[in-house]
Protein backbone atom coordinates (compact mmCIF):
# COMPACT_ATOMS: atom_id res chain seq x y z
CA UNK A 1 97.68 81.16 10.66
CA UNK A 2 100.39 79.26 9.70
CA UNK A 3 103.59 79.43 11.49
CA UNK A 4 106.30 81.05 9.99
CA UNK A 5 109.61 79.29 8.73
CA UNK A 6 112.84 80.91 9.97
CA UNK A 7 116.28 79.84 9.18
CA UNK A 8 118.58 77.99 11.55
CA UNK A 9 120.61 81.18 11.65
CA UNK A 10 118.02 83.58 11.94
CA UNK A 11 116.46 81.39 14.62
CA UNK A 12 119.62 81.36 16.61
CA UNK A 13 120.44 84.71 16.27
CA UNK A 14 116.61 85.64 17.89
CA UNK A 15 117.09 83.62 20.56
CA UNK A 16 120.11 85.09 21.58
CA UNK A 17 118.46 88.96 21.24
CA UNK A 18 115.67 87.92 23.29
CA UNK A 19 117.87 86.22 25.68
CA UNK A 20 120.03 89.54 25.71
CA UNK A 21 116.61 91.86 26.27
CA UNK A 22 116.01 89.74 29.28
CA UNK A 23 119.25 89.65 30.72
CA UNK A 24 118.78 93.82 29.73
CA UNK A 25 115.81 94.10 31.30
CA UNK A 26 117.09 92.01 34.66
CA UNK A 27 120.25 94.48 35.19
CA UNK A 28 118.33 97.56 34.69
CA UNK A 29 115.71 96.66 37.07
CA UNK A 30 118.97 95.88 39.87
CA UNK A 31 120.33 99.25 38.85
CA UNK A 32 116.73 100.94 39.77
CA UNK A 33 116.19 99.49 42.57
CA UNK A 34 119.74 98.16 43.93
CA UNK A 35 118.78 94.96 44.87
CA UNK A 36 120.18 91.75 42.97
CA UNK A 37 116.87 90.02 44.71
CA UNK A 38 113.58 91.43 44.21
CA UNK A 39 111.40 87.98 45.20
CA UNK A 40 111.79 84.99 46.23
CA UNK A 41 111.79 83.91 41.80
CA UNK A 42 114.93 85.61 41.60
CA UNK A 43 116.81 83.47 44.33
CA UNK A 44 114.39 81.77 46.89
CA UNK A 45 117.21 80.71 49.32
CA UNK A 46 118.83 84.36 49.46
CA UNK A 47 114.94 85.92 49.81
CA UNK A 48 113.79 84.17 52.58
CA UNK A 49 117.27 84.29 54.68
CA UNK A 50 117.04 87.68 54.25
CA UNK A 51 114.23 88.02 54.98
CA UNK A 52 114.86 85.85 58.76
CA UNK A 53 117.52 87.91 59.15
CA UNK A 54 115.39 91.24 58.98
CA UNK A 55 112.87 90.12 60.69
CA UNK A 56 115.25 89.21 63.77
CA UNK A 57 116.67 92.72 63.11
CA UNK A 58 113.64 94.47 63.94
CA UNK A 59 112.65 92.46 67.17
CA UNK A 60 115.57 93.12 68.63
CA UNK A 61 115.03 97.09 67.51
CA UNK A 62 112.00 96.64 69.59
CA UNK A 63 113.87 95.29 72.19
CA UNK A 64 116.52 97.63 72.07
CA UNK A 65 113.67 100.31 72.55
CA UNK A 66 112.58 98.65 76.17
CA UNK A 67 116.14 98.38 76.79
CA UNK A 68 116.69 102.33 76.31
CA UNK A 69 113.71 102.98 78.32
CA UNK A 70 114.76 100.61 81.18
CA UNK A 71 117.85 102.83 81.13
CA UNK A 72 116.08 106.57 81.14
CA UNK A 73 114.11 104.36 83.95
CA UNK A 74 116.90 104.19 86.37
CA UNK A 75 118.28 107.39 85.45
CA UNK A 76 115.40 109.04 86.94
CA UNK A 77 115.58 106.59 89.77
CA UNK A 78 119.41 107.61 90.55
CA UNK A 79 118.71 111.09 90.26
CA UNK A 80 115.48 110.39 92.62
CA UNK A 81 117.94 108.69 95.05
CA UNK A 82 120.28 111.44 95.04
CA UNK A 83 117.76 113.96 95.71
CA UNK A 84 116.75 112.38 98.50
CA UNK A 85 120.26 111.82 99.98
CA UNK A 86 120.35 115.46 99.60
CA UNK A 87 116.85 115.78 102.19
CA UNK A 88 118.19 113.01 104.33
CA UNK A 89 121.28 115.40 104.55
CA UNK A 90 119.12 118.60 105.61
CA UNK A 91 117.23 116.71 107.94
CA UNK A 92 120.05 115.61 109.67
CA UNK A 93 121.25 119.18 109.59
CA UNK A 94 118.16 120.17 111.34
CA UNK A 95 118.22 117.47 113.92
CA UNK A 96 122.02 118.50 114.63
CA UNK A 97 121.26 122.00 115.34
CA UNK A 98 118.60 121.19 117.79
CA UNK A 99 121.49 119.53 119.34
CA UNK A 100 123.18 121.96 119.90
CA UNK A 101 120.33 124.65 120.59
CA UNK A 102 119.48 124.26 124.43
CA UNK A 103 116.02 124.62 125.73
CA UNK A 104 115.41 127.53 127.62
CA UNK A 105 112.20 128.01 129.57
CA UNK A 106 109.54 130.84 129.35
CA UNK A 107 109.68 132.50 132.50
CA UNK A 108 107.57 135.02 134.82
CA UNK A 109 109.23 136.49 137.95
CA UNK A 110 106.92 138.76 140.56
CA UNK A 111 107.87 141.97 141.78
CA UNK A 112 110.24 141.82 144.52
CA UNK A 113 108.97 140.40 147.96
CA UNK A 114 111.06 140.44 151.02
CA UNK A 115 109.74 136.74 152.09
CA UNK A 116 112.08 135.95 155.46
CA UNK A 117 110.43 132.31 155.45
CA UNK A 118 108.98 129.69 152.89
CA UNK A 119 106.45 129.04 156.09
CA UNK A 120 104.75 131.95 156.53
CA UNK A 121 101.25 132.53 154.10
CA UNK A 122 101.06 133.26 150.73
CA UNK A 123 98.47 135.97 151.46
CA UNK A 124 101.56 137.76 152.96
CA UNK A 125 103.56 138.25 149.99
CA UNK A 126 100.62 141.06 148.83
CA UNK A 127 98.28 142.57 150.90
CA UNK A 128 95.61 142.14 148.12
CA UNK A 129 95.76 138.37 147.71
CA UNK A 130 93.03 136.18 149.41
CA UNK A 131 92.75 132.66 150.66
CA UNK A 132 89.87 131.77 148.07
CA UNK A 133 91.84 132.91 144.96
CA UNK A 134 92.95 130.57 142.33
CA UNK A 135 95.67 131.03 140.03
CA UNK A 136 95.76 129.19 136.77
CA UNK A 137 99.01 128.08 134.75
CA UNK A 138 99.00 126.48 131.59
CA UNK A 139 101.68 125.01 130.27
CA UNK A 140 102.14 122.37 126.75
CA UNK A 141 98.45 123.55 126.54
CA UNK A 142 97.12 122.16 130.00
CA UNK A 143 95.63 124.40 132.10
CA UNK A 144 96.17 123.69 135.91
CA UNK A 145 94.21 125.80 138.93
CA UNK A 146 95.80 126.03 142.43
CA UNK A 147 94.06 127.66 145.04
CA UNK A 148 95.18 129.46 147.74
CA UNK A 149 93.59 128.09 150.94
CA UNK A 150 95.82 129.94 153.18
CA UNK A 151 99.12 127.62 151.70
CA UNK A 152 102.02 128.24 152.86
CA UNK A 153 104.82 129.77 150.57
CA UNK A 154 106.55 126.60 150.20
CA UNK A 155 103.22 124.83 149.66
CA UNK A 156 102.16 127.66 146.67
CA UNK A 157 105.73 126.80 145.12
CA UNK A 158 105.42 122.87 145.48
CA UNK A 159 102.26 123.00 143.96
CA UNK A 160 103.05 124.72 141.18
CA UNK A 161 106.66 122.94 140.79
CA UNK A 162 104.32 119.70 140.83
CA UNK A 163 102.66 121.05 137.65
CA UNK A 164 104.16 118.60 134.59
CA UNK A 165 106.65 121.25 133.12
CA UNK A 166 106.32 123.35 134.81
CA UNK A 167 108.96 125.08 137.96
CA UNK A 168 108.56 127.67 140.76
CA UNK A 169 110.93 128.98 143.19
CA UNK A 170 111.62 132.02 144.74
CA UNK A 171 114.75 134.12 144.59
CA UNK A 172 117.05 135.29 146.29
CA UNK A 173 115.30 138.27 146.08
CA UNK A 174 112.01 137.50 147.17
CA UNK A 175 110.59 136.97 143.77
CA UNK A 176 108.41 134.66 142.73
CA UNK A 177 109.58 132.60 139.45
CA UNK A 178 107.89 130.25 137.23
CA UNK A 179 108.98 128.31 134.22
CA UNK A 180 107.72 126.80 131.70
CA UNK A 181 110.09 123.96 131.22
CA UNK A 182 109.78 123.47 127.41
CA UNK A 183 110.17 126.59 126.47
CA UNK A 184 107.02 127.07 125.22
CA UNK A 185 104.18 129.32 126.09
CA UNK A 186 103.67 129.98 129.69
CA UNK A 187 99.82 131.48 130.42
CA UNK A 188 98.68 132.94 134.16
CA UNK A 189 95.71 134.18 134.83
CA UNK A 190 93.34 133.97 137.79
CA UNK A 191 89.94 132.08 137.43
CA UNK A 192 88.88 133.53 141.11
CA UNK A 193 90.17 136.72 142.41
CA UNK A 194 92.75 138.66 140.88
CA UNK A 195 96.03 136.92 142.06
CA UNK A 196 97.97 136.36 138.97
CA UNK A 197 97.38 140.77 138.78
CA UNK A 198 98.05 140.90 142.08
CA UNK A 199 101.57 138.90 141.78
CA UNK A 200 102.13 140.82 138.54
CA UNK A 201 101.92 137.75 136.68
CA UNK A 202 98.88 137.55 134.53
CA UNK A 203 100.28 137.26 130.87
CA UNK A 204 101.12 135.31 128.02
CA UNK A 205 105.39 134.83 127.90
CA UNK A 206 107.30 133.02 124.98
CA UNK A 207 110.79 134.36 126.10
CA UNK A 208 112.34 130.84 125.90
CA UNK A 209 113.90 128.84 123.57
CA UNK A 210 112.49 125.59 122.06
CA UNK A 211 112.79 122.71 119.30
CA UNK A 212 109.08 123.01 117.79
CA UNK A 213 110.67 124.84 114.76
CA UNK A 214 113.19 122.31 113.88
CA UNK A 215 110.54 119.49 115.05
CA UNK A 216 108.25 120.99 112.10
CA UNK A 217 111.05 121.71 109.61
CA UNK A 218 111.92 118.07 110.34
CA UNK A 219 108.61 116.47 109.70
CA UNK A 220 108.03 118.90 106.64
CA UNK A 221 111.50 117.25 104.90
CA UNK A 222 110.43 114.04 106.05
CA UNK A 223 107.16 114.42 103.59
CA UNK A 224 108.46 115.83 100.84
CA UNK A 225 111.00 112.60 100.57
CA UNK A 226 107.87 110.26 100.30
CA UNK A 227 106.73 112.83 97.60
CA UNK A 228 109.79 113.03 95.53
CA UNK A 229 109.88 109.47 95.51
CA UNK A 230 106.54 109.34 94.16
CA UNK A 231 107.40 111.50 91.62
CA UNK A 232 110.70 109.71 90.62
CA UNK A 233 108.90 107.33 88.07
CA UNK A 234 109.14 107.26 84.09
CA UNK A 235 106.34 105.86 81.46
CA UNK A 236 104.64 104.42 84.74
CA UNK A 237 107.17 102.54 86.41
CA UNK A 238 108.57 103.71 89.85
CA UNK A 239 111.64 101.53 90.94
CA UNK A 240 111.60 104.00 94.13
CA UNK A 241 108.07 103.31 95.32
CA UNK A 242 108.75 99.09 94.88
CA UNK A 243 107.70 98.63 91.39
CA UNK A 244 109.80 95.91 89.13
CA UNK A 245 110.85 96.44 85.86
CA UNK A 246 111.77 92.72 83.48
CA UNK A 247 113.93 94.00 80.96
CA UNK A 248 113.78 91.04 77.90
CA UNK A 249 117.22 90.82 75.93
CA UNK A 250 116.05 88.39 73.26
CA UNK A 251 113.11 87.68 71.29
CA UNK A 252 111.95 84.56 73.04
CA UNK A 253 112.24 86.08 76.42
CA UNK A 254 114.72 83.51 77.58
CA UNK A 255 117.28 86.25 78.20
CA UNK A 256 116.20 88.89 80.90
CA UNK A 257 116.90 91.16 83.97
CA UNK A 258 114.58 91.65 86.48
CA UNK A 259 115.03 94.94 88.16
CA UNK A 260 113.60 94.79 91.63
CA UNK A 261 112.31 97.73 92.90
CA UNK A 262 112.84 99.28 96.35
CA UNK A 263 110.26 101.45 98.78
CA UNK A 264 112.46 104.43 99.75
CA UNK A 265 110.31 105.98 101.48
CA UNK A 266 110.02 107.47 105.13
CA UNK A 267 107.27 104.68 106.21
CA UNK A 268 109.40 101.89 103.81
CA UNK A 269 112.83 100.94 103.69
CA UNK A 270 113.93 104.23 105.01
CA UNK A 271 112.78 104.15 108.77
CA UNK A 272 112.50 107.50 108.73
CA UNK A 273 110.43 108.21 111.88
CA UNK A 274 107.72 111.54 112.56
CA UNK A 275 108.98 113.71 115.76
CA UNK A 276 105.47 113.60 117.61
CA UNK A 277 104.52 115.85 120.71
CA UNK A 278 107.69 117.32 122.58
CA UNK A 279 109.80 114.12 121.62
CA UNK A 280 112.89 116.09 120.87
CA UNK A 281 112.86 117.99 124.57
CA UNK A 282 115.33 114.87 125.19
CA UNK A 283 118.65 114.76 123.61
CA UNK A 284 118.25 110.80 123.18
CA UNK A 285 115.26 111.35 121.36
CA UNK A 286 116.96 113.71 118.97
CA UNK A 287 120.60 111.55 118.67
CA UNK A 288 117.74 108.52 117.52
CA UNK A 289 116.49 110.46 115.05
CA UNK A 290 120.13 111.06 113.94
CA UNK A 291 120.77 107.49 113.82
CA UNK A 292 117.88 106.76 112.06
CA UNK A 293 119.21 109.24 109.15
CA UNK A 294 122.57 107.59 108.71
CA UNK A 295 120.70 104.44 108.45
CA UNK A 296 118.64 105.80 105.63
CA UNK A 297 121.50 107.19 103.96
CA UNK A 298 123.40 103.87 104.26
CA UNK A 299 120.10 102.38 102.30
CA UNK A 300 120.02 104.97 99.74
CA UNK A 301 123.87 104.63 99.09
CA UNK A 302 123.76 100.64 98.99
CA UNK A 303 120.43 100.84 96.53
CA UNK A 304 122.11 103.41 94.27
CA UNK A 305 125.16 101.05 94.02
CA UNK A 306 122.45 98.11 92.99
CA UNK A 307 120.76 99.96 90.69
CA UNK A 308 124.14 101.51 89.01
CA UNK A 309 124.78 97.27 88.49
CA UNK A 310 121.79 97.24 86.86
CA UNK A 311 122.33 99.84 84.57
CA UNK A 312 125.92 98.70 83.33
CA UNK A 313 124.44 95.06 82.70
CA UNK A 314 121.55 96.94 80.51
CA UNK A 315 123.94 99.21 78.68
CA UNK A 316 126.28 96.21 77.88
CA UNK A 317 123.63 94.30 76.61
CA UNK A 318 122.16 97.57 74.93
CA UNK A 319 125.45 97.77 72.86
CA UNK A 320 125.67 94.20 72.21
CA UNK A 321 122.30 94.09 70.74
CA UNK A 322 123.00 97.76 68.77
CA UNK A 323 125.75 95.36 66.86
CA UNK A 324 124.16 92.35 66.83
CA UNK A 325 121.35 94.44 64.62
CA UNK A 326 124.01 95.80 62.70
CA UNK A 327 125.57 92.60 61.58
CA UNK A 328 121.89 90.96 60.62
CA UNK A 329 120.59 93.88 58.36
CA UNK A 330 124.71 93.62 56.81
CA UNK A 331 124.07 90.07 56.33
CA UNK A 332 120.65 90.61 54.89
CA UNK A 333 121.96 93.32 52.77
CA UNK A 334 124.50 91.06 51.20
CA UNK A 335 122.36 88.68 50.40
CA UNK A 336 119.87 90.76 48.29
CA UNK A 337 121.96 94.00 47.32
CA UNK A 338 123.02 94.13 43.58
CA UNK A 339 126.95 95.03 43.38
CA UNK A 340 126.10 98.25 41.33
CA UNK A 341 129.66 98.82 39.53
CA UNK A 342 129.23 95.16 38.72
CA UNK A 343 125.58 95.80 37.12
CA UNK A 344 126.85 98.61 34.91
CA UNK A 345 129.29 96.72 33.59
CA UNK A 346 126.84 94.13 32.81
CA UNK A 347 124.42 96.69 31.26
CA UNK A 348 127.22 98.00 29.05
CA UNK A 349 128.31 94.82 28.00
CA UNK A 350 124.12 93.66 27.35
CA UNK A 351 123.65 96.52 25.08
CA UNK A 352 126.54 96.19 23.12
CA UNK A 353 125.62 92.46 23.14
CA UNK A 354 122.02 93.15 22.02
CA UNK A 355 123.66 95.51 19.13
CA UNK A 356 125.79 92.72 18.00
CA UNK A 357 122.73 90.09 17.75
CA UNK A 358 121.04 92.87 15.70
CA UNK A 359 123.39 93.20 12.75
CA UNK A 360 123.83 88.71 13.18
CA UNK A 361 120.41 88.73 12.82
CA UNK A 362 120.35 91.52 9.80
CA UNK A 363 123.25 89.04 8.10
CA UNK A 364 121.40 85.89 8.54
CA UNK A 365 118.53 87.22 6.91
CA UNK A 366 120.49 88.73 3.76
CA UNK A 367 120.65 84.83 2.35
CA UNK A 368 116.43 84.99 1.68
CA UNK A 369 116.75 88.60 0.74
CA UNK A 370 119.43 87.77 -2.57
CA UNK A 371 116.20 85.29 -3.67
CA UNK A 372 114.03 88.47 -4.47
CA UNK A 373 116.88 89.52 -6.74
CA UNK A 374 115.96 86.19 -8.84
CA UNK A 375 112.78 87.79 -9.81
């Protein structure tokens, strides 16, 4: 097919109209997307620079999430430390209460007997006693048997007093008094004869005061400290039981903070010993426990201060990263976002230009139309 030949004026106006149409399409695209650079073809430099900035902002957003995770982990640890401090204070109050509570022996005294001399035969204390009778005395779970065997009163008293944790004496009114020094149960019976019943000593006596309840409460609180420390984890990380936490501040992990965990358990850095046996019968043992608790409190406060310093670093870097992300996203946007006011003005100008070009094309074609009038 032969090519249509256009006049110079018509071809010039046609090209102008085509360019205007292309610019209209571009302007309408910018107005609809809000972007002046929608792809690499629009402006390769701006497009790839913007993508680089946006990618870094996205990477930093992920790091910011990790920083927030670290902040919550530190918050959890701090709450755990404060709770453990409360338990330690309670333990110290328990120990001090034990110090202020004197041990009162459990005891029983026989009926009053007028014993004129300690060297007299023990059987003289009661007509029903026999030298073959055996009295049993149980103190702190240990049973000791004593056979009269023509003992004197002094010998009987000495034999009972020789038992660990027991004391015996004859009162001024002639009664035999037996005590369990630790304030725990005193159990008296007979394994041969009826000496305990005859002396009206038979039975179980818990009329004393001891420190068993304080020891049990102390040890239970000690267990609770370990359980609390074990529960102070966040997203599987527990810096109160020795876990370390690494917080990265940049994409290539060259800037970071390693938060060292501490073992804040009673067998770890707190070093709070369990009360075993009858240790708290001694005031010195209780005082030693109080000293351990004071040291544990200092350890907790020091660790809280360390974690507080770590928290400050993480918060400062988090705020910096947050602002850096804003700057990167702003920079990326400035390279690609269209000025809607400018594009609106462009659209109006292009529409006017298109109308003028159409009119100009019509005028340019009139010269050829005049030829038709010759026929």
